[in-house]
Amino acid sequence: MYEHRTFDWLWKDWRKLKTQLVRLCVRHVGLLLNSAGQYDSSRFPRFREEVLADIQGRIDEGDGSGIWRECLGLLAAFDQLQTTLQGVFRKPPKDLLPCQLLGRSLQFFLEDARRELAALETGETPARVKTWERLNRISLRLLNEQQADLSAEERCTEEHFRDIHAWIKAEYAGDYNYPQRLNNIRDFFYIFCSCCRNQSRRDPGSVPDEYALSTGGISSLSDSLFNGDAKEALLKALSQLEAEEMEILNVAFELELGA
């Protein structure tokens, strides 16, 4: 059934995997509840065991698409979900059933787990994976608005990168959750977009001379800082630098900060 298709479970086919895994877990929600129908954290180990056994059984029956093997990797830190559920069930909204509360909590848990796996796969950080997701949404939105002939797999063009850059400058200028430089936008595409990676392998000469792949190192650190709790403190410290010192940092790390 699956022999003629290769699935990309962490990216293109992610929604299908997430939906299937959430449905499987929710089927076992009764194991988390006591006789009064209330959440009981002491029951979580049994819930975890049954979920993992259910997944393993599906693998043993034949997992041609690889979906259930991928699910096991996503649940490597499954115990962390227990803490989340304790908070969610402590004061649950009256209009939500236990299965809905579990499903909603799983959505957030699995998104974080996916970013961790994607970071390992690409050698990047979860923060940069999240930045790519923002860029990807903008890219797909622009293609839809422009009714472009390009498909999502054929968008690795300088024109498209410039369109994204212009959109960010218009909507999110100065917001470092989004890359502010064209070179950085291009970098993200060549790191995370399978179309761009395949193009660079097939035709290295098609990659612009000014392209500089920024994996890990100071780029990952600066993205993490600007995405994290250190943003305000860092900006305050940088604002105290002399103009010459600020210019050195701007050139060295492509920060685009004013003196």
C-alpha atoms as a PDB file:
ATOM      1  CA  MET A   1       0.000   0.000   0.000  1.00  0.00           C
ATOM      2  CA  TYR A   2       2.817   2.396   0.879  1.00  0.00           C
ATOM      3  CA  GLU A   3       5.624   1.023  -1.303  1.00  0.00           C
ATOM      4  CA  HIS A   4       5.357   3.744  -3.955  1.00  0.00           C
ATOM      5  CA  ARG A   5       5.434   6.718  -1.575  1.00  0.00           C
ATOM      6  CA  THR A   6       8.014   8.064   0.812  1.00  0.00           C
ATOM      7  CA  PHE A   7       6.461   9.825   3.796  1.00  0.00           C
ATOM      8  CA  ASP A   8       7.973  12.889   5.443  1.00  0.00           C
ATOM      9  CA  TRP A   9       6.394  12.487   8.863  1.00  0.00           C
ATOM     10  CA  LEU A  10       8.134  15.374  10.645  1.00  0.00           C
ATOM     11  CA  TRP A  11       7.349  17.901   7.910  1.00  0.00           C
ATOM     12  CA  LYS A  12       5.019  17.500   4.935  1.00  0.00           C
ATOM     13  CA  ASP A  13       2.997  14.626   6.431  1.00  0.00           C
ATOM     14  CA  TRP A  14       3.155  15.841  10.032  1.00  0.00           C
ATOM     15  CA  ARG A  15      -0.526  16.660  10.444  1.00  0.00           C
ATOM     16  CA  LYS A  16      -1.555  13.143   9.483  1.00  0.00           C
ATOM     17  CA  LEU A  17       0.865  11.595  11.967  1.00  0.00           C
ATOM     18  CA  LYS A  18      -0.166  13.956  14.757  1.00  0.00           C
ATOM     19  CA  THR A  19      -3.857  13.276  14.177  1.00  0.00           C
ATOM     20  CA  GLN A  20      -3.373   9.510  14.218  1.00  0.00           C
ATOM     21  CA  LEU A  21      -1.235   9.593  17.364  1.00  0.00           C
ATOM     22  CA  VAL A  22      -3.614  11.877  19.258  1.00  0.00           C
ATOM     23  CA  ARG A  23      -6.539   9.613  18.375  1.00  0.00           C
ATOM     24  CA  LEU A  24      -4.657   6.549  19.584  1.00  0.00           C
ATOM     25  CA  CYS A  25      -3.747   8.177  22.904  1.00  0.00           C
ATOM     26  CA  VAL A  26      -7.254   9.526  23.509  1.00  0.00           C
ATOM     27  CA  ARG A  27      -8.682   6.008  23.160  1.00  0.00           C
ATOM     28  CA  HIS A  28      -6.855   5.192  26.401  1.00  0.00           C
ATOM     29  CA  VAL A  29      -8.026   8.254  28.361  1.00  0.00           C
ATOM     30  CA  GLY A  30     -10.070   6.070  30.726  1.00  0.00           C
ATOM     31  CA  LEU A  31      -6.848   4.734  32.204  1.00  0.00           C
ATOM     32  CA  LEU A  32      -6.114   8.224  33.572  1.00  0.00           C
ATOM     33  CA  LEU A  33      -9.419   8.542  35.434  1.00  0.00           C
ATOM     34  CA  ASN A  34     -10.512   7.172  38.802  1.00  0.00           C
ATOM     35  CA  SER A  35     -13.896   5.662  39.600  1.00  0.00           C
ATOM     36  CA  ALA A  36     -15.388   9.162  39.936  1.00  0.00           C
ATOM     37  CA  GLY A  37     -14.178  10.124  36.472  1.00  0.00           C
ATOM     38  CA  GLN A  38     -11.485  12.453  37.852  1.00  0.00           C
ATOM     39  CA  TYR A  39      -7.882  12.603  36.662  1.00  0.00           C
ATOM     40  CA  ASP A  40      -5.516  10.575  38.871  1.00  0.00           C
ATOM     41  CA  SER A  41      -1.802  11.170  38.240  1.00  0.00           C
ATOM     42  CA  SER A  42      -0.893   7.828  39.800  1.00  0.00           C
ATOM     43  CA  ARG A  43      -2.570   6.169  36.834  1.00  0.00           C
ATOM     44  CA  PHE A  44      -0.283   7.836  34.281  1.00  0.00           C
ATOM     45  CA  PRO A  45       2.337   5.010  34.217  1.00  0.00           C
ATOM     46  CA  ARG A  46      -0.372   2.517  33.210  1.00  0.00           C
ATOM     47  CA  PHE A  47      -1.654   4.921  30.561  1.00  0.00           C
ATOM     48  CA  ARG A  48       1.878   5.348  29.175  1.00  0.00           C
ATOM     49  CA  GLU A  49       2.468   1.584  29.087  1.00  0.00           C
ATOM     50  CA  GLU A  50      -0.783   0.895  27.251  1.00  0.00           C
ATOM     51  CA  VAL A  51      -0.179   3.635  24.680  1.00  0.00           C
ATOM     52  CA  LEU A  52       3.341   2.390  23.948  1.00  0.00           C
ATOM     53  CA  ALA A  53       2.138  -1.220  23.791  1.00  0.00           C
ATOM     54  CA  ASP A  54      -0.614  -0.212  21.360  1.00  0.00           C
ATOM     55  CA  ILE A  55       1.933   1.508  19.110  1.00  0.00           C
ATOM     56  CA  GLN A  56       4.355  -1.419  19.300  1.00  0.00           C
ATOM     57  CA  GLY A  57       1.547  -3.796  18.360  1.00  0.00           C
ATOM     58  CA  ARG A  58       0.814  -1.758  15.243  1.00  0.00           C
ATOM     59  CA  ILE A  59       4.499  -1.831  14.319  1.00  0.00           C
ATOM     60  CA  ASP A  60       4.585  -5.605  14.755  1.00  0.00           C
ATOM     61  CA  GLU A  61       1.510  -6.009  12.545  1.00  0.00           C
ATOM     62  CA  GLY A  62       3.297  -4.252   9.693  1.00  0.00           C
ATOM     63  CA  ASP A  63       4.202  -0.565   9.556  1.00  0.00           C
ATOM     64  CA  GLY A  64       4.828  -0.030   5.866  1.00  0.00           C
ATOM     65  CA  SER A  65       4.577   3.763   6.041  1.00  0.00           C
ATOM     66  CA  GLY A  66       6.812   4.027   9.130  1.00  0.00           C
ATOM     67  CA  ILE A  67       4.250   6.178  10.913  1.00  0.00           C
ATOM     68  CA  TRP A  68       4.173   4.199  14.162  1.00  0.00           C
ATOM     69  CA  ARG A  69       7.953   3.844  14.396  1.00  0.00           C
ATOM     70  CA  GLU A  70       8.144   7.628  14.118  1.00  0.00           C
ATOM     71  CA  CYS A  71       5.567   7.916  16.919  1.00  0.00           C
ATOM     72  CA  LEU A  72       7.820   6.035  19.322  1.00  0.00           C
ATOM     73  CA  GLY A  73      10.532   8.657  18.836  1.00  0.00           C
ATOM     74  CA  LEU A  74       8.061  11.457  19.521  1.00  0.00           C
ATOM     75  CA  LEU A  75       7.113   9.850  22.841  1.00  0.00           C
ATOM     76  CA  ALA A  76      10.675   9.446  24.097  1.00  0.00           C
ATOM     77  CA  ALA A  77       9.984  12.081  26.789  1.00  0.00           C
ATOM     78  CA  PHE A  78       6.389  10.935  27.379  1.00  0.00           C
ATOM     79  CA  ASP A  79       6.674  11.324  31.166  1.00  0.00           C
ATOM     80  CA  GLN A  80       6.861  15.114  30.730  1.00  0.00           C
ATOM     81  CA  LEU A  81       3.223  15.039  29.677  1.00  0.00           C
ATOM     82  CA  GLN A  82       2.255  13.956  33.200  1.00  0.00           C
ATOM     83  CA  THR A  83       3.211  17.342  34.670  1.00  0.00           C
ATOM     84  CA  THR A  84       1.218  19.147  31.986  1.00  0.00           C
ATOM     85  CA  LEU A  85      -1.864  17.033  32.624  1.00  0.00           C
ATOM     86  CA  GLN A  86      -1.716  17.696  36.362  1.00  0.00           C
ATOM     87  CA  GLY A  87      -2.032  21.412  35.693  1.00  0.00           C
ATOM     88  CA  VAL A  88      -4.667  21.048  32.978  1.00  0.00           C
ATOM     89  CA  PHE A  89      -6.950  18.774  34.999  1.00  0.00           C
ATOM     90  CA  ARG A  90      -6.578  20.735  38.243  1.00  0.00           C
ATOM     91  CA  LYS A  91      -9.066  23.387  37.063  1.00  0.00           C
ATOM     92  CA  PRO A  92     -10.511  22.092  33.805  1.00  0.00           C
ATOM     93  CA  PRO A  93     -12.980  24.201  31.780  1.00  0.00           C
ATOM     94  CA  LYS A  94     -16.492  22.946  32.478  1.00  0.00           C
ATOM     95  CA  ASP A  95     -17.368  22.583  28.813  1.00  0.00           C
ATOM     96  CA  LEU A  96     -14.474  20.223  27.963  1.00  0.00           C
ATOM     97  CA  LEU A  97     -14.485  16.461  28.439  1.00  0.00           C
ATOM     98  CA  PRO A  98     -11.398  14.563  29.691  1.00  0.00           C
ATOM     99  CA  CYS A  99     -10.730  13.241  26.191  1.00  0.00           C
ATOM    100  CA  GLN A 100     -10.745  16.820  24.863  1.00  0.00           C
ATOM    101  CA  LEU A 101      -8.386  18.024  27.599  1.00  0.00           C
ATOM    102  CA  LEU A 102      -6.006  15.155  26.849  1.00  0.00           C
ATOM    103  CA  GLY A 103      -6.193  15.786  23.116  1.00  0.00           C
ATOM    104  CA  ARG A 104      -5.469  19.483  23.512  1.00  0.00           C
ATOM    105  CA  SER A 105      -2.502  18.818  25.809  1.00  0.00           C
ATOM    106  CA  LEU A 106      -1.117  16.254  23.384  1.00  0.00           C
ATOM    107  CA  GLN A 107      -1.232  18.762  20.529  1.00  0.00           C
ATOM    108  CA  PHE A 108       1.228  21.076  22.308  1.00  0.00           C
ATOM    109  CA  PHE A 109       3.367  18.226  23.649  1.00  0.00           C
ATOM    110  CA  LEU A 110       3.771  16.634  20.226  1.00  0.00           C
ATOM    111  CA  GLU A 111       4.618  19.916  18.509  1.00  0.00           C
ATOM    112  CA  ASP A 112       7.478  20.440  20.971  1.00  0.00           C
ATOM    113  CA  ALA A 113       8.613  16.820  20.540  1.00  0.00           C
ATOM    114  CA  ARG A 114       8.582  17.179  16.756  1.00  0.00           C
ATOM    115  CA  ARG A 115      10.774  20.286  16.928  1.00  0.00           C
ATOM    116  CA  GLU A 116      13.265  18.429  19.106  1.00  0.00           C
ATOM    117  CA  LEU A 117      13.471  15.576  16.584  1.00  0.00           C
ATOM    118  CA  ALA A 118      13.651  17.980  13.640  1.00  0.00           C
ATOM    119  CA  ALA A 119      16.469  19.847  15.368  1.00  0.00           C
ATOM    120  CA  LEU A 120      18.428  16.612  15.760  1.00  0.00           C
ATOM    121  CA  GLU A 121      17.754  15.733  12.133  1.00  0.00           C
ATOM    122  CA  THR A 122      18.980  19.083  10.775  1.00  0.00           C
ATOM    123  CA  GLY A 123      21.686  19.874  13.329  1.00  0.00           C
ATOM    124  CA  GLU A 124      19.816  23.059  14.223  1.00  0.00           C
ATOM    125  CA  THR A 125      18.033  24.196  17.397  1.00  0.00           C
ATOM    126  CA  PRO A 126      14.291  23.874  18.199  1.00  0.00           C
ATOM    127  CA  ALA A 127      14.126  27.692  18.132  1.00  0.00           C
ATOM    128  CA  ARG A 128      15.376  27.752  14.536  1.00  0.00           C
ATOM    129  CA  VAL A 129      12.935  24.990  13.595  1.00  0.00           C
ATOM    130  CA  LYS A 130      10.143  27.188  14.950  1.00  0.00           C
ATOM    131  CA  THR A 131      11.450  30.167  12.959  1.00  0.00           C
ATOM    132  CA  TRP A 132      11.386  28.035   9.812  1.00  0.00           C
ATOM    133  CA  GLU A 133       7.762  27.132  10.517  1.00  0.00           C
ATOM    134  CA  ARG A 134       6.917  30.844  10.597  1.00  0.00           C
ATOM    135  CA  LEU A 135       8.749  31.422   7.326  1.00  0.00           C
ATOM    136  CA  ASN A 136       7.082  28.424   5.727  1.00  0.00           C
ATOM    137  CA  ARG A 137       3.617  29.727   6.637  1.00  0.00           C
ATOM    138  CA  ILE A 138       4.445  33.106   5.080  1.00  0.00           C
ATOM    139  CA  SER A 139       5.807  31.396   1.974  1.00  0.00           C
ATOM    140  CA  LEU A 140       2.695  29.269   1.463  1.00  0.00           C
ATOM    141  CA  ARG A 141       0.442  32.252   2.151  1.00  0.00           C
ATOM    142  CA  LEU A 142       2.207  34.354  -0.483  1.00  0.00           C
ATOM    143  CA  LEU A 143       1.995  31.590  -3.064  1.00  0.00           C
ATOM    144  CA  ASN A 144      -1.733  31.309  -2.388  1.00  0.00           C
ATOM    145  CA  GLU A 145      -2.332  35.079  -2.526  1.00  0.00           C
ATOM    146  CA  GLN A 146      -0.297  35.473  -5.688  1.00  0.00           C
ATOM    147  CA  GLN A 147      -1.900  32.396  -7.243  1.00  0.00           C
ATOM    148  CA  ALA A 148       1.620  31.566  -8.323  1.00  0.00           C
ATOM    149  CA  ASP A 149       2.380  28.780 -10.737  1.00  0.00           C
ATOM    150  CA  LEU A 150       5.039  27.528  -8.324  1.00  0.00           C
ATOM    151  CA  SER A 151       4.112  24.602  -6.107  1.00  0.00           C
ATOM    152  CA  ALA A 152       5.356  24.330  -2.525  1.00  0.00           C
ATOM    153  CA  GLU A 153       8.094  22.045  -3.868  1.00  0.00           C
ATOM    154  CA  GLU A 154       9.236  24.534  -6.539  1.00  0.00           C
ATOM    155  CA  ARG A 155       9.490  27.782  -4.585  1.00  0.00           C
ATOM    156  CA  CYS A 156      13.268  27.900  -4.199  1.00  0.00           C
ATOM    157  CA  THR A 157      13.774  31.075  -6.218  1.00  0.00           C
ATOM    158  CA  GLU A 158      15.379  34.424  -5.460  1.00  0.00           C
ATOM    159  CA  GLU A 159      12.151  36.177  -6.438  1.00  0.00           C
ATOM    160  CA  HIS A 160      10.211  34.215  -3.828  1.00  0.00           C
ATOM    161  CA  PHE A 161      12.832  34.916  -1.163  1.00  0.00           C
ATOM    162  CA  ARG A 162      12.594  38.649  -1.948  1.00  0.00           C
ATOM    163  CA  ASP A 163       8.800  38.524  -1.709  1.00  0.00           C
ATOM    164  CA  ILE A 164       9.058  36.952   1.744  1.00  0.00           C
ATOM    165  CA  HIS A 165      11.653  39.518   2.819  1.00  0.00           C
ATOM    166  CA  ALA A 166       9.439  42.401   1.671  1.00  0.00           C
ATOM    167  CA  TRP A 167       6.436  40.921   3.490  1.00  0.00           C
ATOM    168  CA  ILE A 168       8.381  40.577   6.749  1.00  0.00           C
ATOM    169  CA  LYS A 169       9.705  44.139   6.455  1.00  0.00           C
ATOM    170  CA  ALA A 170       6.136  45.379   5.970  1.00  0.00           C
ATOM    171  CA  GLU A 171       4.506  43.312   8.704  1.00  0.00           C
ATOM    172  CA  TYR A 172       7.241  42.390  11.211  1.00  0.00           C
ATOM    173  CA  ALA A 173      10.050  44.923  10.877  1.00  0.00           C
ATOM    174  CA  GLY A 174      12.270  44.692  13.953  1.00  0.00           C
ATOM    175  CA  ASP A 175      10.593  41.503  15.205  1.00  0.00           C
ATOM    176  CA  TYR A 176      13.471  39.060  15.607  1.00  0.00           C
ATOM    177  CA  ASN A 177      11.096  36.101  15.722  1.00  0.00           C
ATOM    178  CA  TYR A 178      11.403  36.543  11.944  1.00  0.00           C
ATOM    179  CA  PRO A 179      14.661  36.780   9.945  1.00  0.00           C
ATOM    180  CA  GLN A 180      15.178  40.422   9.007  1.00  0.00           C
ATOM    181  CA  ARG A 181      17.792  39.908   6.284  1.00  0.00           C
ATOM    182  CA  LEU A 182      17.371  38.370   2.849  1.00  0.00           C
ATOM    183  CA  ASN A 183      20.499  36.240   3.297  1.00  0.00           C
ATOM    184  CA  ASN A 184      19.094  34.741   6.480  1.00  0.00           C
ATOM    185  CA  ILE A 185      15.782  33.917   4.809  1.00  0.00           C
ATOM    186  CA  ARG A 186      17.683  32.178   2.024  1.00  0.00           C
ATOM    187  CA  ASP A 187      19.719  30.265   4.610  1.00  0.00           C
ATOM    188  CA  PHE A 188      16.593  28.907   6.285  1.00  0.00           C
ATOM    189  CA  PHE A 189      15.260  27.644   2.973  1.00  0.00           C
ATOM    190  CA  TYR A 190      18.492  25.859   2.059  1.00  0.00           C
ATOM    191  CA  ILE A 191      18.618  24.276   5.515  1.00  0.00           C
ATOM    192  CA  PHE A 192      15.000  23.232   5.953  1.00  0.00           C
ATOM    193  CA  CYS A 193      13.259  23.208   2.546  1.00  0.00           C
ATOM    194  CA  SER A 194      13.699  19.846   0.806  1.00  0.00           C
ATOM    195  CA  CYS A 195      13.200  21.520  -2.577  1.00  0.00           C
ATOM    196  CA  CYS A 196      16.124  23.883  -1.992  1.00  0.00           C
ATOM    197  CA  ARG A 197      18.366  21.149  -0.622  1.00  0.00           C
ATOM    198  CA  ASN A 198      17.655  18.915  -3.608  1.00  0.00           C
ATOM    199  CA  GLN A 199      18.284  21.787  -6.003  1.00  0.00           C
ATOM    200  CA  SER A 200      21.653  22.567  -4.436  1.00  0.00           C
ATOM    201  CA  ARG A 201      22.667  18.893  -4.713  1.00  0.00           C
ATOM    202  CA  ARG A 202      21.583  18.587  -8.345  1.00  0.00           C
ATOM    203  CA  ASP A 203      23.041  21.898  -9.468  1.00  0.00           C
ATOM    204  CA  PRO A 204      25.524  23.491  -7.042  1.00  0.00           C
ATOM    205  CA  GLY A 205      26.033  26.334  -9.512  1.00  0.00           C
ATOM    206  CA  SER A 206      22.411  27.408  -9.055  1.00  0.00           C
ATOM    207  CA  VAL A 207      23.103  28.467  -5.458  1.00  0.00           C
ATOM    208  CA  PRO A 208      23.885  32.231  -5.327  1.00  0.00           C
ATOM    209  CA  ASP A 209      27.485  33.215  -4.588  1.00  0.00           C
ATOM    210  CA  GLU A 210      26.376  35.323  -1.636  1.00  0.00           C
ATOM    211  CA  TYR A 211      24.626  32.369   0.005  1.00  0.00           C
ATOM    212  CA  ALA A 212      26.341  31.326   3.243  1.00  0.00           C
ATOM    213  CA  LEU A 213      24.824  28.385   5.069  1.00  0.00           C
ATOM    214  CA  SER A 214      24.509  29.278   8.738  1.00  0.00           C
ATOM    215  CA  THR A 215      24.042  26.073  10.675  1.00  0.00           C
ATOM    216  CA  GLY A 216      24.571  26.086  14.424  1.00  0.00           C
ATOM    217  CA  GLY A 217      27.258  28.279  15.968  1.00  0.00           C
ATOM    218  CA  ILE A 218      26.592  31.950  16.547  1.00  0.00           C
ATOM    219  CA  SER A 219      23.514  32.006  14.277  1.00  0.00           C
ATOM    220  CA  SER A 220      21.726  29.431  16.399  1.00  0.00           C
ATOM    221  CA  LEU A 221      22.790  31.234  19.552  1.00  0.00           C
ATOM    222  CA  SER A 222      21.558  34.632  18.367  1.00  0.00           C
ATOM    223  CA  ASP A 223      18.241  33.171  17.205  1.00  0.00           C
ATOM    224  CA  SER A 224      17.776  31.429  20.556  1.00  0.00           C
ATOM    225  CA  LEU A 225      18.543  34.602  22.473  1.00  0.00           C
ATOM    226  CA  PHE A 226      16.226  36.788  20.439  1.00  0.00           C
ATOM    227  CA  ASN A 227      13.463  34.184  20.686  1.00  0.00           C
ATOM    228  CA  GLY A 228      13.911  33.622  24.411  1.00  0.00           C
ATOM    229  CA  ASP A 229      13.627  35.328  27.755  1.00  0.00           C
ATOM    230  CA  ALA A 230      17.032  37.034  27.354  1.00  0.00           C
ATOM    231  CA  LYS A 231      15.835  39.335  24.558  1.00  0.00           C
ATOM    232  CA  GLU A 232      15.161  42.483  26.603  1.00  0.00           C
ATOM    233  CA  ALA A 233      18.276  42.154  28.735  1.00  0.00           C
ATOM    234  CA  LEU A 234      20.428  41.559  25.670  1.00  0.00           C
ATOM    235  CA  LEU A 235      19.003  44.530  23.786  1.00  0.00           C
ATOM    236  CA  LYS A 236      19.529  46.760  26.827  1.00  0.00           C
ATOM    237  CA  ALA A 237      23.167  45.681  27.091  1.00  0.00           C
ATOM    238  CA  LEU A 238      23.773  46.205  23.375  1.00  0.00           C
ATOM    239  CA  SER A 239      22.228  49.683  23.494  1.00  0.00           C
ATOM    240  CA  GLN A 240      25.024  50.789  25.841  1.00  0.00           C
ATOM    241  CA  LEU A 241      27.756  50.026  23.303  1.00  0.00           C
ATOM    242  CA  GLU A 242      29.617  52.738  21.434  1.00  0.00           C
ATOM    243  CA  ALA A 243      28.634  53.269  17.789  1.00  0.00           C
ATOM    244  CA  GLU A 244      31.868  51.698  16.553  1.00  0.00           C
ATOM    245  CA  GLU A 245      31.404  48.626  18.751  1.00  0.00           C
ATOM    246  CA  MET A 246      27.816  48.256  17.577  1.00  0.00           C
ATOM    247  CA  GLU A 247      28.898  48.405  13.938  1.00  0.00           C
ATOM    248  CA  ILE A 248      31.458  45.656  14.539  1.00  0.00           C
ATOM    249  CA  LEU A 249      28.733  43.395  15.967  1.00  0.00           C
ATOM    250  CA  ASN A 250      26.349  44.231  13.135  1.00  0.00           C
ATOM    251  CA  VAL A 251      28.931  43.241  10.523  1.00  0.00           C
ATOM    252  CA  ALA A 252      30.175  40.167  12.374  1.00  0.00           C
ATOM    253  CA  PHE A 253      26.807  38.699  13.329  1.00  0.00           C
ATOM    254  CA  GLU A 254      24.371  40.367  10.884  1.00  0.00           C
ATOM    255  CA  LEU A 255      22.247  41.790  13.710  1.00  0.00           C
ATOM    256  CA  GLU A 256      20.901  44.963  12.061  1.00  0.00           C
ATOM    257  CA  LEU A 257      20.856  46.835  15.375  1.00  0.00           C
ATOM    258  CA  GLY A 258      21.127  50.598  15.666  1.00  0.00           C
ATOM    259  CA  ALA A 259      23.769  52.315  17.747  1.00  0.00           C
END
